[in-house]
Protein backbone atom coordinates (compact mmCIF):
# COMPACT_ATOMS: atom_id res chain seq x y z
CA MET A 1 45.63 120.71 151.40
CA PRO A 2 48.65 118.67 152.63
CA ALA A 3 50.12 116.32 150.06
CA VAL A 4 49.27 112.68 150.52
CA THR A 5 52.55 110.80 150.57
CA GLY A 6 52.80 107.96 148.10
CA GLY A 7 53.74 104.61 149.55
CA ARG A 8 55.45 101.79 147.77
CA GLY A 9 53.78 101.17 144.41
CA ARG A 10 51.60 104.28 144.54
CA VAL A 11 51.85 107.97 143.75
CA SER A 12 51.26 110.98 145.98
CA THR A 13 48.97 113.93 145.37
CA SER A 14 52.00 116.01 144.45
CA ASP A 15 52.95 113.38 141.85
CA VAL A 16 49.46 113.54 140.33
CA ASP A 17 49.59 117.33 140.26
CA ARG A 18 52.96 117.16 138.47
CA MET A 19 51.68 114.57 135.98
CA MET A 20 48.57 116.58 135.16
CA SER A 21 50.64 119.71 134.67
CA LYS A 22 52.98 117.94 132.22
CA LEU A 23 50.57 115.70 130.33
CA LEU A 24 47.35 117.70 130.07
CA VAL A 25 48.42 120.30 127.52
CA THR A 26 44.95 121.85 127.23
CA GLU A 27 44.53 122.41 130.97
CA GLY A 28 45.95 124.85 133.52
CA SER A 29 46.65 128.55 133.65
CA ASP A 30 49.67 128.12 131.36
CA ARG A 31 47.79 126.16 128.66
CA ARG A 32 48.48 128.86 126.04
CA ASN A 33 52.21 128.47 126.50
CA LYS A 34 51.95 124.67 126.43
CA LEU A 35 49.79 124.71 123.30
CA SER A 36 52.04 127.14 121.45
CA ALA A 37 55.09 125.05 122.37
CA PHE A 38 53.33 121.90 121.17
CA TRP A 39 52.49 123.27 117.73
CA VAL A 40 55.88 124.91 117.22
CA LEU A 41 57.61 121.62 118.06
CA ILE A 42 55.24 119.69 115.77
CA VAL A 43 56.22 121.89 112.82
CA LEU A 44 59.94 121.79 113.61
CA SER A 45 60.05 118.03 114.25
CA THR A 46 58.18 117.42 110.99
CA ILE A 47 60.67 119.51 109.03
CA ILE A 48 63.58 117.68 110.67
CA ALA A 49 62.01 114.25 110.16
CA SER A 50 61.12 114.95 106.52
CA ALA A 51 64.61 116.25 105.81
CA GLY A 52 66.12 113.22 107.51
CA VAL A 53 64.00 110.79 105.51
CA MET A 54 64.68 112.58 102.22
CA ALA A 55 68.42 112.61 102.94
CA ASP A 56 68.24 109.00 104.21
CA SER A 57 69.96 110.19 107.41
CA THR A 58 69.36 108.14 110.56
CA ALA A 59 70.96 110.77 112.81
CA THR A 60 68.62 113.49 111.54
CA VAL A 61 65.57 111.29 112.01
CA ILE A 62 66.65 110.56 115.60
CA GLY A 63 66.86 114.31 116.16
CA ALA A 64 63.25 114.63 115.05
CA MET A 65 62.23 111.91 117.53
CA ILE A 66 63.73 113.88 120.41
CA VAL A 67 62.00 117.13 119.40
CA ALA A 68 58.61 115.54 118.65
CA PRO A 69 55.96 116.42 121.30
CA LEU A 70 53.32 113.77 120.46
CA MET A 71 54.26 111.54 123.39
CA THR A 72 52.78 114.11 125.78
CA PRO A 73 49.12 114.05 124.61
CA ILE A 74 49.31 110.27 124.06
CA LEU A 75 50.26 109.66 127.71
CA GLY A 76 47.78 112.42 128.58
CA THR A 77 45.08 110.28 126.96
CA ALA A 78 46.09 107.33 129.15
CA LEU A 79 45.89 109.56 132.23
CA ALA A 80 42.47 110.83 131.15
CA VAL A 81 41.26 107.24 130.72
CA VAL A 82 42.37 106.43 134.27
CA LEU A 83 40.58 109.55 135.56
CA ALA A 84 37.55 108.51 133.48
CA ASP A 85 37.16 112.09 132.25
CA ARG A 86 35.56 111.95 128.81
CA ARG A 87 36.24 115.64 128.14
CA LEU A 88 39.97 115.18 128.74
CA ILE A 89 40.04 111.99 126.68
CA LEU A 90 38.52 113.76 123.68
CA LYS A 91 40.79 116.79 124.07
CA ASN A 92 43.96 114.71 124.21
CA LEU A 93 42.92 112.43 121.36
CA GLY A 94 42.09 115.57 119.39
CA MET A 95 45.63 116.85 120.03
CA VAL A 96 47.09 113.53 118.84
CA LEU A 97 44.96 113.38 115.69
CA GLY A 98 45.41 117.08 114.92
CA GLY A 99 49.16 116.82 115.37
CA ALA A 100 49.32 113.69 113.21
CA ALA A 101 47.31 115.31 110.41
CA SER A 102 49.56 118.38 110.54
CA VAL A 103 52.69 116.23 110.19
CA ILE A 104 51.29 114.40 107.15
CA VAL A 105 50.26 117.62 105.40
CA ILE A 106 53.58 119.39 106.07
CA ALA A 107 55.59 116.34 104.96
CA TYR A 108 53.51 116.10 101.78
CA LEU A 109 54.26 119.74 100.96
CA ILE A 110 57.97 119.23 101.67
CA GLY A 111 57.89 116.20 99.39
CA LEU A 112 56.82 118.45 96.51
CA THR A 113 60.30 119.98 96.57
CA SER A 114 61.96 116.64 95.76
CA HIS A 115 62.51 115.57 92.15
CA ALA A 116 63.15 111.94 93.14
CA LEU A 117 60.56 109.35 94.11
CA LEU A 118 60.63 108.81 97.87
CA VAL A 119 59.70 105.15 98.23
CA ALA A 120 60.93 102.10 100.10
CA ASP A 121 62.87 100.72 97.13
CA THR A 122 65.24 103.70 97.10
CA ASN A 123 65.22 104.93 100.71
CA ALA A 124 66.23 102.94 103.80
CA GLN A 125 64.40 105.29 106.21
CA ILE A 126 61.14 104.69 104.37
CA ALA A 127 61.73 100.96 104.00
CA ALA A 128 62.18 100.67 107.78
CA ARG A 129 58.72 102.16 108.46
CA VAL A 130 56.32 100.79 105.84
CA SER A 131 56.26 97.13 106.92
CA PRO A 132 55.47 97.04 110.65
CA ARG A 133 55.80 93.70 112.42
CA LEU A 134 54.91 92.15 115.77
CA ILE A 135 58.33 93.14 117.09
CA ASP A 136 57.30 96.79 116.55
CA LEU A 137 54.22 96.21 118.73
CA LEU A 138 56.41 94.65 121.42
CA ALA A 139 58.76 97.65 121.31
CA ALA A 140 55.81 100.06 121.52
CA LEU A 141 54.36 98.24 124.54
CA ALA A 142 57.70 98.38 126.35
CA THR A 143 58.13 102.04 125.45
CA GLY A 144 54.68 102.85 126.81
CA VAL A 145 55.58 101.16 130.10
CA VAL A 146 58.84 103.10 130.37
CA GLY A 147 57.16 106.40 129.48
CA ALA A 148 54.38 105.99 132.05
CA PHE A 149 56.85 104.71 134.66
CA ALA A 150 59.01 107.79 134.13
CA MET A 151 55.95 109.98 134.70
CA VAL A 152 54.88 108.37 137.97
CA ARG A 153 58.47 108.29 139.22
CA SER A 154 59.89 111.80 139.21
CA ASP A 155 63.31 110.44 140.17
CA ILE A 156 63.69 108.75 136.77
CA SER A 157 62.07 111.41 134.59
CA ASP A 158 65.47 111.96 132.95
CA THR A 159 64.84 108.81 130.91
CA LEU A 160 62.14 110.53 128.82
CA PRO A 161 64.55 111.64 126.06
CA GLY A 162 65.55 108.00 125.69
CA VAL A 163 61.88 107.03 125.48
CA ALA A 164 61.43 109.58 122.69
CA ILE A 165 64.23 107.93 120.72
CA ALA A 166 62.90 104.43 121.38
CA ILE A 167 59.45 105.13 119.91
CA SER A 168 58.74 106.32 116.38
CA LEU A 169 55.89 108.83 116.17
CA VAL A 170 56.64 111.76 113.86
CA PRO A 171 58.99 109.91 111.42
CA PRO A 172 56.35 107.37 110.27
CA LEU A 173 53.84 110.21 109.82
CA ALA A 174 56.43 112.08 107.73
CA VAL A 175 56.83 108.90 105.68
CA VAL A 176 53.04 108.84 105.15
CA GLY A 177 53.11 112.33 103.66
CA LEU A 178 56.23 111.75 101.56
CA THR A 179 55.08 108.42 100.12
CA LEU A 180 51.62 109.80 99.34
CA GLU A 181 53.27 112.62 97.40
CA SER A 182 55.38 110.01 95.56
CA GLY A 183 52.29 108.03 94.58
CA ALA A 184 52.81 105.04 96.91
CA PRO A 185 49.58 104.83 98.97
CA GLN A 186 50.22 101.22 100.03
CA GLN A 187 53.50 102.22 101.66
CA ALA A 188 51.80 105.23 103.26
CA LEU A 189 49.21 102.87 104.75
CA GLY A 190 52.00 100.71 106.23
CA ALA A 191 53.65 103.73 107.86
CA LEU A 192 50.26 104.86 109.21
CA LEU A 193 49.75 101.39 110.69
CA LEU A 194 53.11 101.72 112.49
CA PHE A 195 52.05 105.07 113.97
CA GLY A 196 48.66 103.68 115.04
CA THR A 197 50.39 100.70 116.63
CA ASN A 198 52.67 102.93 118.67
CA VAL A 199 49.85 105.20 119.83
CA THR A 200 47.54 102.34 120.82
CA ALA A 201 50.28 100.46 122.67
CA ILE A 202 51.38 103.54 124.62
CA ILE A 203 47.82 104.36 125.69
CA ALA A 204 47.13 100.76 126.75
CA THR A 205 50.32 100.25 128.75
CA GLY A 206 50.21 103.79 130.13
CA THR A 207 46.71 103.14 131.45
CA ILE A 208 47.85 99.93 133.15
CA ILE A 209 50.86 101.58 134.81
CA PHE A 210 48.81 104.55 136.04
CA LEU A 211 46.24 102.18 137.52
CA ALA A 212 48.93 100.01 139.09
CA TYR A 213 50.43 103.06 140.80
CA ARG A 214 46.98 104.03 142.14
CA VAL A 215 46.74 107.37 140.39
CA ARG A 216 42.95 107.47 140.86
CA PRO A 217 42.95 107.49 144.70
CA ALA A 218 45.65 110.14 144.75
CA ALA A 219 43.67 112.25 142.25
CA ILE A 220 40.56 111.93 144.42
CA ALA A 221 42.58 113.05 147.45
CA LEU A 222 43.73 116.03 145.37
CA ARG A 223 40.04 116.79 144.68
CA VAL A 224 40.44 116.27 140.95
CA LYS A 225 37.28 115.50 139.04
CA VAL A 226 37.30 111.70 138.62
CA GLY A 227 34.56 109.79 136.84
CA GLN A 228 33.46 106.19 137.17
CA LEU A 229 36.01 103.93 135.55
CA ARG A 230 34.12 101.50 133.36
CA ARG A 231 35.41 98.09 132.42
CA GLY A 232 34.49 98.74 128.78
CA ALA A 233 37.11 101.46 128.46
CA LEU A 234 39.88 99.13 129.62
CA VAL A 235 38.63 96.29 127.43
CA THR A 236 38.60 98.63 124.42
CA ALA A 237 42.17 99.78 125.08
CA LEU A 238 43.51 96.26 125.46
CA GLY A 239 41.33 94.83 122.68
CA SER A 240 42.63 97.38 120.20
CA VAL A 241 46.17 96.11 120.86
CA LEU A 242 45.04 92.55 120.07
CA VAL A 243 43.29 93.71 116.90
CA LEU A 244 46.46 95.46 115.71
CA ALA A 245 48.40 92.26 116.31
CA ILE A 246 46.59 90.64 113.35
CA PRO A 247 47.97 92.81 110.50
CA LEU A 248 51.32 93.02 112.28
CA GLY A 249 51.43 89.23 112.46
CA ILE A 250 50.74 89.06 108.73
CA GLY A 251 53.51 91.59 108.13
CA SER A 252 55.90 89.51 110.22
CA ALA A 253 55.04 86.41 108.19
CA VAL A 254 55.68 88.25 104.91
CA VAL A 255 59.06 89.53 106.12
CA ALA A 256 59.99 86.05 107.35
CA GLN A 257 59.12 84.62 103.92
CA GLN A 258 61.30 87.25 102.24
CA GLU A 259 64.22 86.41 104.50
CA VAL A 260 63.89 82.69 103.74
CA VAL A 261 63.79 83.34 99.98
CA LEU A 262 66.86 85.61 100.13
CA ALA A 263 68.78 83.17 102.34
CA ARG A 264 68.19 80.37 99.83
CA ALA A 265 68.75 82.49 96.72
CA ALA A 266 72.03 84.17 97.71
CA PRO A 267 74.28 81.04 97.68
CA ALA A 268 72.76 79.76 94.42
CA ALA A 269 73.11 83.12 92.65
CA ASN A 270 76.68 83.66 93.87
CA GLU A 271 77.74 80.18 92.77
CA TRP A 272 76.26 80.77 89.31
CA ALA A 273 77.90 84.19 88.91
CA GLN A 274 81.32 83.06 90.12
CA SER A 275 81.32 80.17 87.67
CA GLN A 276 81.31 82.75 84.86
CA GLY A 277 83.64 85.31 86.38
CA TRP A 278 80.84 87.67 87.44
CA GLN A 279 79.60 88.83 90.83
CA ILE A 280 76.21 89.51 92.41
CA SER A 281 75.84 93.13 93.51
CA ASP A 282 72.30 93.02 94.86
CA ILE A 283 69.55 90.52 95.66
CA SER A 284 66.07 91.60 96.77
CA PHE A 285 62.61 90.11 96.95
CA ARG A 286 59.78 92.55 96.21
CA GLN A 287 56.18 92.05 95.14
CA GLY A 288 56.64 88.30 94.82
CA THR A 289 59.63 88.52 92.46
CA LEU A 290 63.24 87.70 93.25
CA ARG A 291 65.42 90.46 91.73
CA ILE A 292 69.10 89.80 91.07
CA VAL A 293 71.68 92.29 89.79
CA ALA A 294 74.91 90.83 88.37
CA LEU A 295 78.05 92.76 87.43
CA GLY A 296 80.84 91.68 85.11
CA PRO A 297 82.87 92.32 81.97
CA PRO A 298 81.89 91.45 78.38
CA PRO A 299 81.12 89.13 76.67
CA THR A 300 77.47 88.84 77.69
CA ILE A 301 77.00 86.42 80.55
CA GLN A 302 74.82 83.36 79.95
CA GLU A 303 71.87 83.11 82.29
CA THR A 304 71.66 79.38 81.63
CA GLY A 305 71.89 77.46 84.88
CA LEU A 306 70.62 80.12 87.26
CA ARG A 307 66.99 78.95 87.15
CA GLU A 308 68.10 75.39 87.82
CA ARG A 309 70.23 76.43 90.80
CA LEU A 310 67.35 78.44 92.28
CA ASP A 311 65.00 75.47 91.86
CA GLU A 312 67.49 73.20 93.61
CA ALA A 313 67.59 75.72 96.48
CA GLY A 314 63.86 75.21 97.02
CA LEU A 315 62.61 78.28 95.08
CA VAL A 316 60.64 76.43 92.38
CA GLY A 317 57.56 78.62 92.80
CA VAL A 318 59.40 81.96 93.02
CA ASP A 319 59.61 84.17 89.93
CA ALA A 320 63.06 85.68 89.32
CA ARG A 321 64.38 88.57 87.26
CA ILE A 322 68.08 89.19 86.63
CA THR A 323 69.60 92.49 85.58
CA LEU A 324 72.95 92.20 83.80
CA VAL A 325 75.31 95.17 84.03
CA LEU A 326 78.16 94.82 81.50
CA GLY A 327 81.57 96.46 81.44
CA GLY A 328 83.96 97.78 84.01
CA SER A 329 85.01 101.27 85.08
CA ARG A 330 86.02 103.94 82.59
CA ASP A 331 87.98 107.12 83.37
CA LEU A 332 86.62 110.30 81.80
CA PRO A 333 89.20 113.04 82.47
CA ALA A 334 88.07 116.65 82.35
CA ARG A 335 89.00 118.67 79.28
CA PRO A 336 91.69 121.33 79.79
């Protein structure tokens, strides 16, 4: 059958055929090759992501994002929703959930090899993924648009590696496994929320882009099995994004509160330390407590005055704990 040429703002039958070949991993004569590639890349990206998180290496984690294959079945789910094919929807969602579960299990097992606790307090990669905010939802929505746009426009498909870097899929799942192994289920739940946010946003925006580019008429012209697109499916996809915005909004409020507390506490703590010849090495706000670490030489510093300065800075209701580290550096030469 001759290909139907896509006009402005719509795809052609050849575009739909290309999209189905790339996104529907479980379909086609080469499905065995696509499935084997998917699972091999899942294992490898999990190993890379887990190693990157454990080593606190941003570059390694980015490498895992590029290798990770989860974007394919997620966009495949959006395409299946547009085609209103329940069988394809379930197959692609099964690939996403199966891949996610595999990442968590593998990361958990890799975490058993570490003697240190892998938690947000000691690891920047974990800390960046356990407190998702509304800005993460916004980034996921934009990434979904770019990913779907790159699929419908073959001339910009080279942007897909950049899309893989922009969205975080395997790394937060690796964090789930590692933090569960370290006994931090609350942090694991936060990382899982980030993954769920990304998946939901990509499916929702991918569905909108595919509809906007009239994928359904082109699929019908290609004689692809297309079901009746029900309004409920679209409402569910968009509604799930709004539901996720609630916990993300709460997370954003918590982070904003932390930033306000730290902004007020830093000048007061530094002024207090400098008045006694000491210096503040670290200030953090975790679990409702302001934590201050001060460094300086003997004699023991007097904590008198710090509470008053914090109260004057507007932190009357904030508990504080100060850790005093005495003494300077000491050289310990090796024995001959």
